[in-house]
Amino acid sequence: LNLSTSAAGSVRVEVQDAAGTPVPGYALADAHELYGDSLSLAAAWKGRETDVGALAGKPIRLRFAVRDADLFSYRFEQA
């Protein structure tokens, strides 16, 4: 993620299925808060860290919870 937050701001990412239901383990409650000013922060979830390999080939939606921050872009890449 390319983002910039204030000192009190953060960004969290939830992965949802095609119907908009949170994917177990990738819900907003599982998401780590990201903060700072960076061109390459990786979204992470409790117990899964940054691994989204189990979702490959499946249609998904992303929900971004942005608090006092700017989210400029995101991308997926292989580890």
PDB file of N, CA and C in Angstrom:
ATOM      1  N   LEU A   1       0.835  -1.181   0.000  1.00  0.00           N
ATOM      2  CA  LEU A   1       0.000   0.000   0.000  1.00  0.00           C
ATOM      3  C   LEU A   1       0.882   1.247   0.000  1.00  0.00           C
ATOM      4  N   ASN A   2       0.460   2.234  -0.730  1.00  0.00           N
ATOM      5  CA  ASN A   2       1.087   3.538  -0.716  1.00  0.00           C
ATOM      6  C   ASN A   2       0.151   4.425   0.095  1.00  0.00           C
ATOM      7  N   LEU A   3       0.589   4.832   1.275  1.00  0.00           N
ATOM      8  CA  LEU A   3      -0.292   5.585   2.158  1.00  0.00           C
ATOM      9  C   LEU A   3       0.483   6.582   3.005  1.00  0.00           C
ATOM     10  N   SER A   4      -0.276   7.490   3.586  1.00  0.00           N
ATOM     11  CA  SER A   4       0.282   8.466   4.509  1.00  0.00           C
ATOM     12  C   SER A   4      -0.765   8.733   5.580  1.00  0.00           C
ATOM     13  N   THR A   5      -0.385   8.571   6.851  1.00  0.00           N
ATOM     14  CA  THR A   5      -1.315   8.807   7.949  1.00  0.00           C
ATOM     15  C   THR A   5      -0.798   9.941   8.830  1.00  0.00           C
ATOM     16  N   SER A   6      -1.700  10.535   9.584  1.00  0.00           N
ATOM     17  CA  SER A   6      -1.275  11.473  10.615  1.00  0.00           C
ATOM     18  C   SER A   6      -0.768  10.652  11.793  1.00  0.00           C
ATOM     19  N   ALA A   7      -0.320  11.310  12.841  1.00  0.00           N
ATOM     20  CA  ALA A   7       0.160  10.596  14.031  1.00  0.00           C
ATOM     21  C   ALA A   7      -0.952   9.765  14.670  1.00  0.00           C
ATOM     22  N   ALA A   8      -2.192  10.202  14.524  1.00  0.00           N
ATOM     23  CA  ALA A   8      -3.324   9.483  15.115  1.00  0.00           C
ATOM     24  C   ALA A   8      -4.071   8.630  14.091  1.00  0.00           C
ATOM     25  N   GLY A   9      -3.642   8.634  12.837  1.00  0.00           N
ATOM     26  CA  GLY A   9      -4.367   7.949  11.786  1.00  0.00           C
ATOM     27  C   GLY A   9      -3.915   6.523  11.560  1.00  0.00           C
ATOM     28  N   SER A  10      -4.697   5.796  10.757  1.00  0.00           N
ATOM     29  CA  SER A  10      -4.354   4.414  10.413  1.00  0.00           C
ATOM     30  C   SER A  10      -5.173   3.959   9.213  1.00  0.00           C
ATOM     31  N   VAL A  11      -4.737   2.837   8.639  1.00  0.00           N
ATOM     32  CA  VAL A  11      -5.458   2.179   7.550  1.00  0.00           C
ATOM     33  C   VAL A  11      -5.511   0.691   7.889  1.00  0.00           C
ATOM     34  N   ARG A  12      -6.688   0.086   7.708  1.00  0.00           N
ATOM     35  CA  ARG A  12      -6.852  -1.358   7.848  1.00  0.00           C
ATOM     36  C   ARG A  12      -7.546  -1.875   6.597  1.00  0.00           C
ATOM     37  N   VAL A  13      -7.283  -3.136   6.255  1.00  0.00           N
ATOM     38  CA  VAL A  13      -7.843  -3.726   5.031  1.00  0.00           C
ATOM     39  C   VAL A  13      -8.628  -4.984   5.388  1.00  0.00           C
ATOM     40  N   GLU A  14      -9.855  -5.056   4.885  1.00  0.00           N
ATOM     41  CA  GLU A  14     -10.681  -6.252   5.027  1.00  0.00           C
ATOM     42  C   GLU A  14     -10.859  -6.872   3.651  1.00  0.00           C
ATOM     43  N   VAL A  15     -10.746  -8.198   3.576  1.00  0.00           N
ATOM     44  CA  VAL A  15     -10.995  -8.919   2.334  1.00  0.00           C
ATOM     45  C   VAL A  15     -12.389  -9.528   2.437  1.00  0.00           C
ATOM     46  N   GLN A  16     -13.195  -9.293   1.422  1.00  0.00           N
ATOM     47  CA  GLN A  16     -14.559  -9.801   1.381  1.00  0.00           C
ATOM     48  C   GLN A  16     -14.722 -10.717   0.173  1.00  0.00           C
ATOM     49  N   ASP A  17     -15.703 -11.617   0.265  1.00  0.00           N
ATOM     50  CA  ASP A  17     -16.028 -12.437  -0.898  1.00  0.00           C
ATOM     51  C   ASP A  17     -16.822 -11.582  -1.888  1.00  0.00           C
ATOM     52  N   ALA A  18     -17.208 -12.156  -3.002  1.00  0.00           N
ATOM     53  CA  ALA A  18     -17.899 -11.405  -4.048  1.00  0.00           C
ATOM     54  C   ALA A  18     -19.225 -10.809  -3.579  1.00  0.00           C
ATOM     55  N   ALA A  19     -19.834 -11.413  -2.559  1.00  0.00           N
ATOM     56  CA  ALA A  19     -21.109 -10.918  -2.039  1.00  0.00           C
ATOM     57  C   ALA A  19     -20.933  -9.830  -0.987  1.00  0.00           C
ATOM     58  N   GLY A  20     -19.702  -9.551  -0.598  1.00  0.00           N
ATOM     59  CA  GLY A  20     -19.453  -8.512   0.395  1.00  0.00           C
ATOM     60  C   GLY A  20     -19.365  -9.015   1.821  1.00  0.00           C
ATOM     61  N   THR A  21     -19.287 -10.320   2.011  1.00  0.00           N
ATOM     62  CA  THR A  21     -19.146 -10.914   3.347  1.00  0.00           C
ATOM     63  C   THR A  21     -17.656 -11.053   3.666  1.00  0.00           C
ATOM     64  N   PRO A  22     -17.228 -10.624   4.856  1.00  0.00           N
ATOM     65  CA  PRO A  22     -15.808 -10.758   5.204  1.00  0.00           C
ATOM     66  C   PRO A  22     -15.343 -12.213   5.145  1.00  0.00           C
ATOM     67  N   VAL A  23     -14.180 -12.422   4.555  1.00  0.00           N
ATOM     68  CA  VAL A  23     -13.582 -13.755   4.491  1.00  0.00           C
ATOM     69  C   VAL A  23     -13.014 -14.067   5.869  1.00  0.00           C
ATOM     70  N   PRO A  24     -13.348 -15.221   6.469  1.00  0.00           N
ATOM     71  CA  PRO A  24     -12.828 -15.553   7.795  1.00  0.00           C
ATOM     72  C   PRO A  24     -11.302 -15.440   7.856  1.00  0.00           C
ATOM     73  N   GLY A  25     -10.824 -14.749   8.871  1.00  0.00           N
ATOM     74  CA  GLY A  25      -9.389 -14.532   9.035  1.00  0.00           C
ATOM     75  C   GLY A  25      -8.886 -13.260   8.383  1.00  0.00           C
ATOM     76  N   TYR A  26      -9.712 -12.674   7.518  1.00  0.00           N
ATOM     77  CA  TYR A  26      -9.327 -11.441   6.817  1.00  0.00           C
ATOM     78  C   TYR A  26     -10.310 -10.305   7.113  1.00  0.00           C
ATOM     79  N   ALA A  27     -11.075 -10.424   8.182  1.00  0.00           N
ATOM     80  CA  ALA A  27     -12.047  -9.397   8.549  1.00  0.00           C
ATOM     81  C   ALA A  27     -11.337  -8.166   9.098  1.00  0.00           C
ATOM     82  N   LEU A  28     -12.063  -7.072   9.162  1.00  0.00           N
ATOM     83  CA  LEU A  28     -11.509  -5.828   9.681  1.00  0.00           C
ATOM     84  C   LEU A  28     -10.997  -6.015  11.110  1.00  0.00           C
ATOM     85  N   ALA A  29     -11.686  -6.825  11.903  1.00  0.00           N
ATOM     86  CA  ALA A  29     -11.259  -7.081  13.283  1.00  0.00           C
ATOM     87  C   ALA A  29      -9.924  -7.819  13.348  1.00  0.00           C
ATOM     88  N   ASP A  30      -9.568  -8.538  12.280  1.00  0.00           N
ATOM     89  CA  ASP A  30      -8.307  -9.283  12.224  1.00  0.00           C
ATOM     90  C   ASP A  30      -7.159  -8.462  11.638  1.00  0.00           C
ATOM     91  N   ALA A  31      -7.485  -7.337  11.031  1.00  0.00           N
ATOM     92  CA  ALA A  31      -6.492  -6.554  10.298  1.00  0.00           C
ATOM     93  C   ALA A  31      -5.574  -5.766  11.235  1.00  0.00           C
ATOM     94  N   HIS A  32      -4.296  -5.767  10.912  1.00  0.00           N
ATOM     95  CA  HIS A  32      -3.332  -4.942  11.634  1.00  0.00           C
ATOM     96  C   HIS A  32      -3.504  -3.493  11.174  1.00  0.00           C
ATOM     97  N   GLU A  33      -3.344  -2.557  12.099  1.00  0.00           N
ATOM     98  CA  GLU A  33      -3.376  -1.148  11.733  1.00  0.00           C
ATOM     99  C   GLU A  33      -2.059  -0.768  11.077  1.00  0.00           C
ATOM    100  N   LEU A  34      -2.151  -0.058   9.973  1.00  0.00           N
ATOM    101  CA  LEU A  34      -0.968   0.429   9.275  1.00  0.00           C
ATOM    102  C   LEU A  34      -0.898   1.932   9.480  1.00  0.00           C
ATOM    103  N   TYR A  35       0.288   2.429   9.716  1.00  0.00           N
ATOM    104  CA  TYR A  35       0.440   3.865   9.907  1.00  0.00           C
ATOM    105  C   TYR A  35       1.819   4.304   9.434  1.00  0.00           C
ATOM    106  N   GLY A  36       1.931   5.588   9.151  1.00  0.00           N
ATOM    107  CA  GLY A  36       3.186   6.150   8.688  1.00  0.00           C
ATOM    108  C   GLY A  36       3.035   6.763   7.315  1.00  0.00           C
ATOM    109  N   ASP A  37       4.160   6.972   6.665  1.00  0.00           N
ATOM    110  CA  ASP A  37       4.208   7.535   5.315  1.00  0.00           C
ATOM    111  C   ASP A  37       5.113   6.617   4.505  1.00  0.00           C
ATOM    112  N   SER A  38       4.518   5.776   3.678  1.00  0.00           N
ATOM    113  CA  SER A  38       5.296   4.750   2.999  1.00  0.00           C
ATOM    114  C   SER A  38       4.753   4.470   1.604  1.00  0.00           C
ATOM    115  N   LEU A  39       5.646   4.044   0.736  1.00  0.00           N
ATOM    116  CA  LEU A  39       5.260   3.621  -0.604  1.00  0.00           C
ATOM    117  C   LEU A  39       4.972   2.131  -0.663  1.00  0.00           C
ATOM    118  N   SER A  40       5.335   1.381   0.394  1.00  0.00           N
ATOM    119  CA  SER A  40       5.220  -0.079   0.287  1.00  0.00           C
ATOM    120  C   SER A  40       4.961  -0.771   1.627  1.00  0.00           C
ATOM    121  N   LEU A  41       3.866  -0.429   2.280  1.00  0.00           N
ATOM    122  CA  LEU A  41       3.459  -1.165   3.476  1.00  0.00           C
ATOM    123  C   LEU A  41       2.582  -2.340   3.050  1.00  0.00           C
ATOM    124  N   ALA A  42       2.755  -3.483   3.697  1.00  0.00           N
ATOM    125  CA  ALA A  42       1.966  -4.676   3.369  1.00  0.00           C
ATOM    126  C   ALA A  42       0.816  -4.833   4.361  1.00  0.00           C
ATOM    127  N   ALA A  43      -0.380  -5.037   3.838  1.00  0.00           N
ATOM    128  CA  ALA A  43      -1.528  -5.331   4.695  1.00  0.00           C
ATOM    129  C   ALA A  43      -1.283  -6.670   5.379  1.00  0.00           C
ATOM    130  N   ALA A  44      -1.721  -6.781   6.622  1.00  0.00           N
ATOM    131  CA  ALA A  44      -1.513  -8.015   7.385  1.00  0.00           C
ATOM    132  C   ALA A  44      -2.705  -8.262   8.298  1.00  0.00           C
ATOM    133  N   TRP A  45      -2.896  -9.541   8.625  1.00  0.00           N
ATOM    134  CA  TRP A  45      -4.010  -9.955   9.477  1.00  0.00           C
ATOM    135  C   TRP A  45      -3.493 -10.890  10.551  1.00  0.00           C
ATOM    136  N   LYS A  46      -4.150 -10.878  11.705  1.00  0.00           N
ATOM    137  CA  LYS A  46      -3.768 -11.744  12.824  1.00  0.00           C
ATOM    138  C   LYS A  46      -3.783 -13.205  12.382  1.00  0.00           C
ATOM    139  N   GLY A  47      -2.701 -13.910  12.653  1.00  0.00           N
ATOM    140  CA  GLY A  47      -2.621 -15.323  12.325  1.00  0.00           C
ATOM    141  C   GLY A  47      -2.316 -15.626  10.872  1.00  0.00           C
ATOM    142  N   ARG A  48      -2.380 -14.631  10.011  1.00  0.00           N
ATOM    143  CA  ARG A  48      -2.126 -14.849   8.585  1.00  0.00           C
ATOM    144  C   ARG A  48      -1.005 -13.951   8.078  1.00  0.00           C
ATOM    145  N   GLU A  49      -0.685 -12.941   8.831  1.00  0.00           N
ATOM    146  CA  GLU A  49       0.285 -11.924   8.431  1.00  0.00           C
ATOM    147  C   GLU A  49      -0.066 -11.410   7.036  1.00  0.00           C
ATOM    148  N   THR A  50       0.819 -11.487   6.071  1.00  0.00           N
ATOM    149  CA  THR A  50       0.559 -10.900   4.753  1.00  0.00           C
ATOM    150  C   THR A  50       0.127 -11.917   3.700  1.00  0.00           C
ATOM    151  N   ASP A  51      -0.049 -13.174   4.071  1.00  0.00           N
ATOM    152  CA  ASP A  51      -0.340 -14.235   3.110  1.00  0.00           C
ATOM    153  C   ASP A  51      -1.790 -14.202   2.629  1.00  0.00           C
ATOM    154  N   VAL A  52      -1.986 -13.947   1.347  1.00  0.00           N
ATOM    155  CA  VAL A  52      -3.315 -14.007   0.745  1.00  0.00           C
ATOM    156  C   VAL A  52      -3.366 -15.082  -0.343  1.00  0.00           C
ATOM    157  N   GLY A  53      -2.393 -15.979  -0.341  1.00  0.00           N
ATOM    158  CA  GLY A  53      -2.305 -17.035  -1.350  1.00  0.00           C
ATOM    159  C   GLY A  53      -3.540 -17.914  -1.410  1.00  0.00           C
ATOM    160  N   ALA A  54      -4.198 -18.130  -0.281  1.00  0.00           N
ATOM    161  CA  ALA A  54      -5.394 -18.982  -0.263  1.00  0.00           C
ATOM    162  C   ALA A  54      -6.544 -18.368  -1.053  1.00  0.00           C
ATOM    163  N   LEU A  55      -6.452 -17.084  -1.354  1.00  0.00           N
ATOM    164  CA  LEU A  55      -7.517 -16.384  -2.070  1.00  0.00           C
ATOM    165  C   LEU A  55      -7.260 -16.300  -3.570  1.00  0.00           C
ATOM    166  N   ALA A  56      -6.118 -16.786  -4.027  1.00  0.00           N
ATOM    167  CA  ALA A  56      -5.761 -16.706  -5.446  1.00  0.00           C
ATOM    168  C   ALA A  56      -6.823 -17.349  -6.326  1.00  0.00           C
ATOM    169  N   GLY A  57      -7.210 -16.662  -7.369  1.00  0.00           N
ATOM    170  CA  GLY A  57      -8.185 -17.183  -8.322  1.00  0.00           C
ATOM    171  C   GLY A  57      -9.628 -16.996  -7.911  1.00  0.00           C
ATOM    172  N   LYS A  58      -9.868 -16.454  -6.726  1.00  0.00           N
ATOM    173  CA  LYS A  58     -11.235 -16.241  -6.248  1.00  0.00           C
ATOM    174  C   LYS A  58     -11.599 -14.767  -6.393  1.00  0.00           C
ATOM    175  N   PRO A  59     -12.858 -14.478  -6.749  1.00  0.00           N
ATOM    176  CA  PRO A  59     -13.265 -13.072  -6.798  1.00  0.00           C
ATOM    177  C   PRO A  59     -13.356 -12.518  -5.376  1.00  0.00           C
ATOM    178  N   ILE A  60     -12.763 -11.357  -5.165  1.00  0.00           N
ATOM    179  CA  ILE A  60     -12.792 -10.732  -3.840  1.00  0.00           C
ATOM    180  C   ILE A  60     -13.102  -9.247  -3.966  1.00  0.00           C
ATOM    181  N   ARG A  61     -13.459  -8.668  -2.831  1.00  0.00           N
ATOM    182  CA  ARG A  61     -13.612  -7.222  -2.692  1.00  0.00           C
ATOM    183  C   ARG A  61     -12.665  -6.804  -1.578  1.00  0.00           C
ATOM    184  N   LEU A  62     -12.181  -5.587  -1.638  1.00  0.00           N
ATOM    185  CA  LEU A  62     -11.370  -5.040  -0.561  1.00  0.00           C
ATOM    186  C   LEU A  62     -12.120  -3.878   0.077  1.00  0.00           C
ATOM    187  N   ARG A  63     -12.135  -3.849   1.386  1.00  0.00           N
ATOM    188  CA  ARG A  63     -12.734  -2.745   2.143  1.00  0.00           C
ATOM    189  C   ARG A  63     -11.602  -2.081   2.902  1.00  0.00           C
ATOM    190  N   PHE A  64     -11.406  -0.800   2.691  1.00  0.00           N
ATOM    191  CA  PHE A  64     -10.363  -0.047   3.373  1.00  0.00           C
ATOM    192  C   PHE A  64     -10.993   0.816   4.449  1.00  0.00           C
ATOM    193  N   ALA A  65     -10.519   0.678   5.685  1.00  0.00           N
ATOM    194  CA  ALA A  65     -10.946   1.530   6.792  1.00  0.00           C
ATOM    195  C   ALA A  65      -9.840   2.565   6.988  1.00  0.00           C
ATOM    196  N   VAL A  66     -10.119   3.779   6.562  1.00  0.00           N
ATOM    197  CA  VAL A  66      -9.120   4.845   6.563  1.00  0.00           C
ATOM    198  C   VAL A  66      -9.512   5.889   7.596  1.00  0.00           C
ATOM    199  N   ARG A  67      -8.617   6.117   8.554  1.00  0.00           N
ATOM    200  CA  ARG A  67      -8.875   7.093   9.615  1.00  0.00           C
ATOM    201  C   ARG A  67      -7.747   8.126   9.609  1.00  0.00           C
ATOM    202  N   ASP A  68      -8.086   9.363   9.271  1.00  0.00           N
ATOM    203  CA  ASP A  68      -7.140  10.472   9.236  1.00  0.00           C
ATOM    204  C   ASP A  68      -5.884  10.086   8.448  1.00  0.00           C
ATOM    205  N   ALA A  69      -6.113   9.626   7.226  1.00  0.00           N
ATOM    206  CA  ALA A  69      -5.020   9.134   6.384  1.00  0.00           C
ATOM    207  C   ALA A  69      -5.375   9.299   4.915  1.00  0.00           C
ATOM    208  N   ASP A  70      -4.369   9.181   4.077  1.00  0.00           N
ATOM    209  CA  ASP A  70      -4.548   9.184   2.632  1.00  0.00           C
ATOM    210  C   ASP A  70      -4.048   7.850   2.103  1.00  0.00           C
ATOM    211  N   LEU A  71      -4.874   7.192   1.311  1.00  0.00           N
ATOM    212  CA  LEU A  71      -4.494   5.944   0.642  1.00  0.00           C
ATOM    213  C   LEU A  71      -4.384   6.259  -0.839  1.00  0.00           C
ATOM    214  N   PHE A  72      -3.179   6.118  -1.381  1.00  0.00           N
ATOM    215  CA  PHE A  72      -2.933   6.509  -2.762  1.00  0.00           C
ATOM    216  C   PHE A  72      -3.073   5.349  -3.742  1.00  0.00           C
ATOM    217  N   SER A  73      -2.563   4.176  -3.379  1.00  0.00           N
ATOM    218  CA  SER A  73      -2.640   3.039  -4.293  1.00  0.00           C
ATOM    219  C   SER A  73      -2.358   1.747  -3.546  1.00  0.00           C
ATOM    220  N   TYR A  74      -2.674   0.642  -4.220  1.00  0.00           N
ATOM    221  CA  TYR A  74      -2.362  -0.688  -3.673  1.00  0.00           C
ATOM    222  C   TYR A  74      -2.061  -1.624  -4.836  1.00  0.00           C
ATOM    223  N   ARG A  75      -1.376  -2.718  -4.535  1.00  0.00           N
ATOM    224  CA  ARG A  75      -1.090  -3.745  -5.541  1.00  0.00           C
ATOM    225  C   ARG A  75      -0.854  -5.073  -4.846  1.00  0.00           C
ATOM    226  N   PHE A  76      -1.021  -6.135  -5.597  1.00  0.00           N
ATOM    227  CA  PHE A  76      -0.707  -7.474  -5.136  1.00  0.00           C
ATOM    228  C   PHE A  76       0.582  -7.902  -5.830  1.00  0.00           C
ATOM    229  N   GLU A  77       1.435  -8.585  -5.108  1.00  0.00           N
ATOM    230  CA  GLU A  77       2.643  -9.130  -5.731  1.00  0.00           C
ATOM    231  C   GLU A  77       2.998 -10.438  -5.070  1.00  0.00           C
ATOM    232  N   GLN A  78       3.677 -11.291  -5.822  1.00  0.00           N
ATOM    233  CA  GLN A  78       4.106 -12.579  -5.265  1.00  0.00           C
ATOM    234  C   GLN A  78       5.315 -12.376  -4.379  1.00  0.00           C
ATOM    235  N   ALA A  79       5.360 -13.170  -3.309  1.00  0.00           N
ATOM    236  CA  ALA A  79       6.493 -13.089  -2.386  1.00  0.00           C
ATOM    237  C   ALA A  79       7.705 -13.767  -2.968  1.00  0.00           C
TER     238      ALA A  79
END
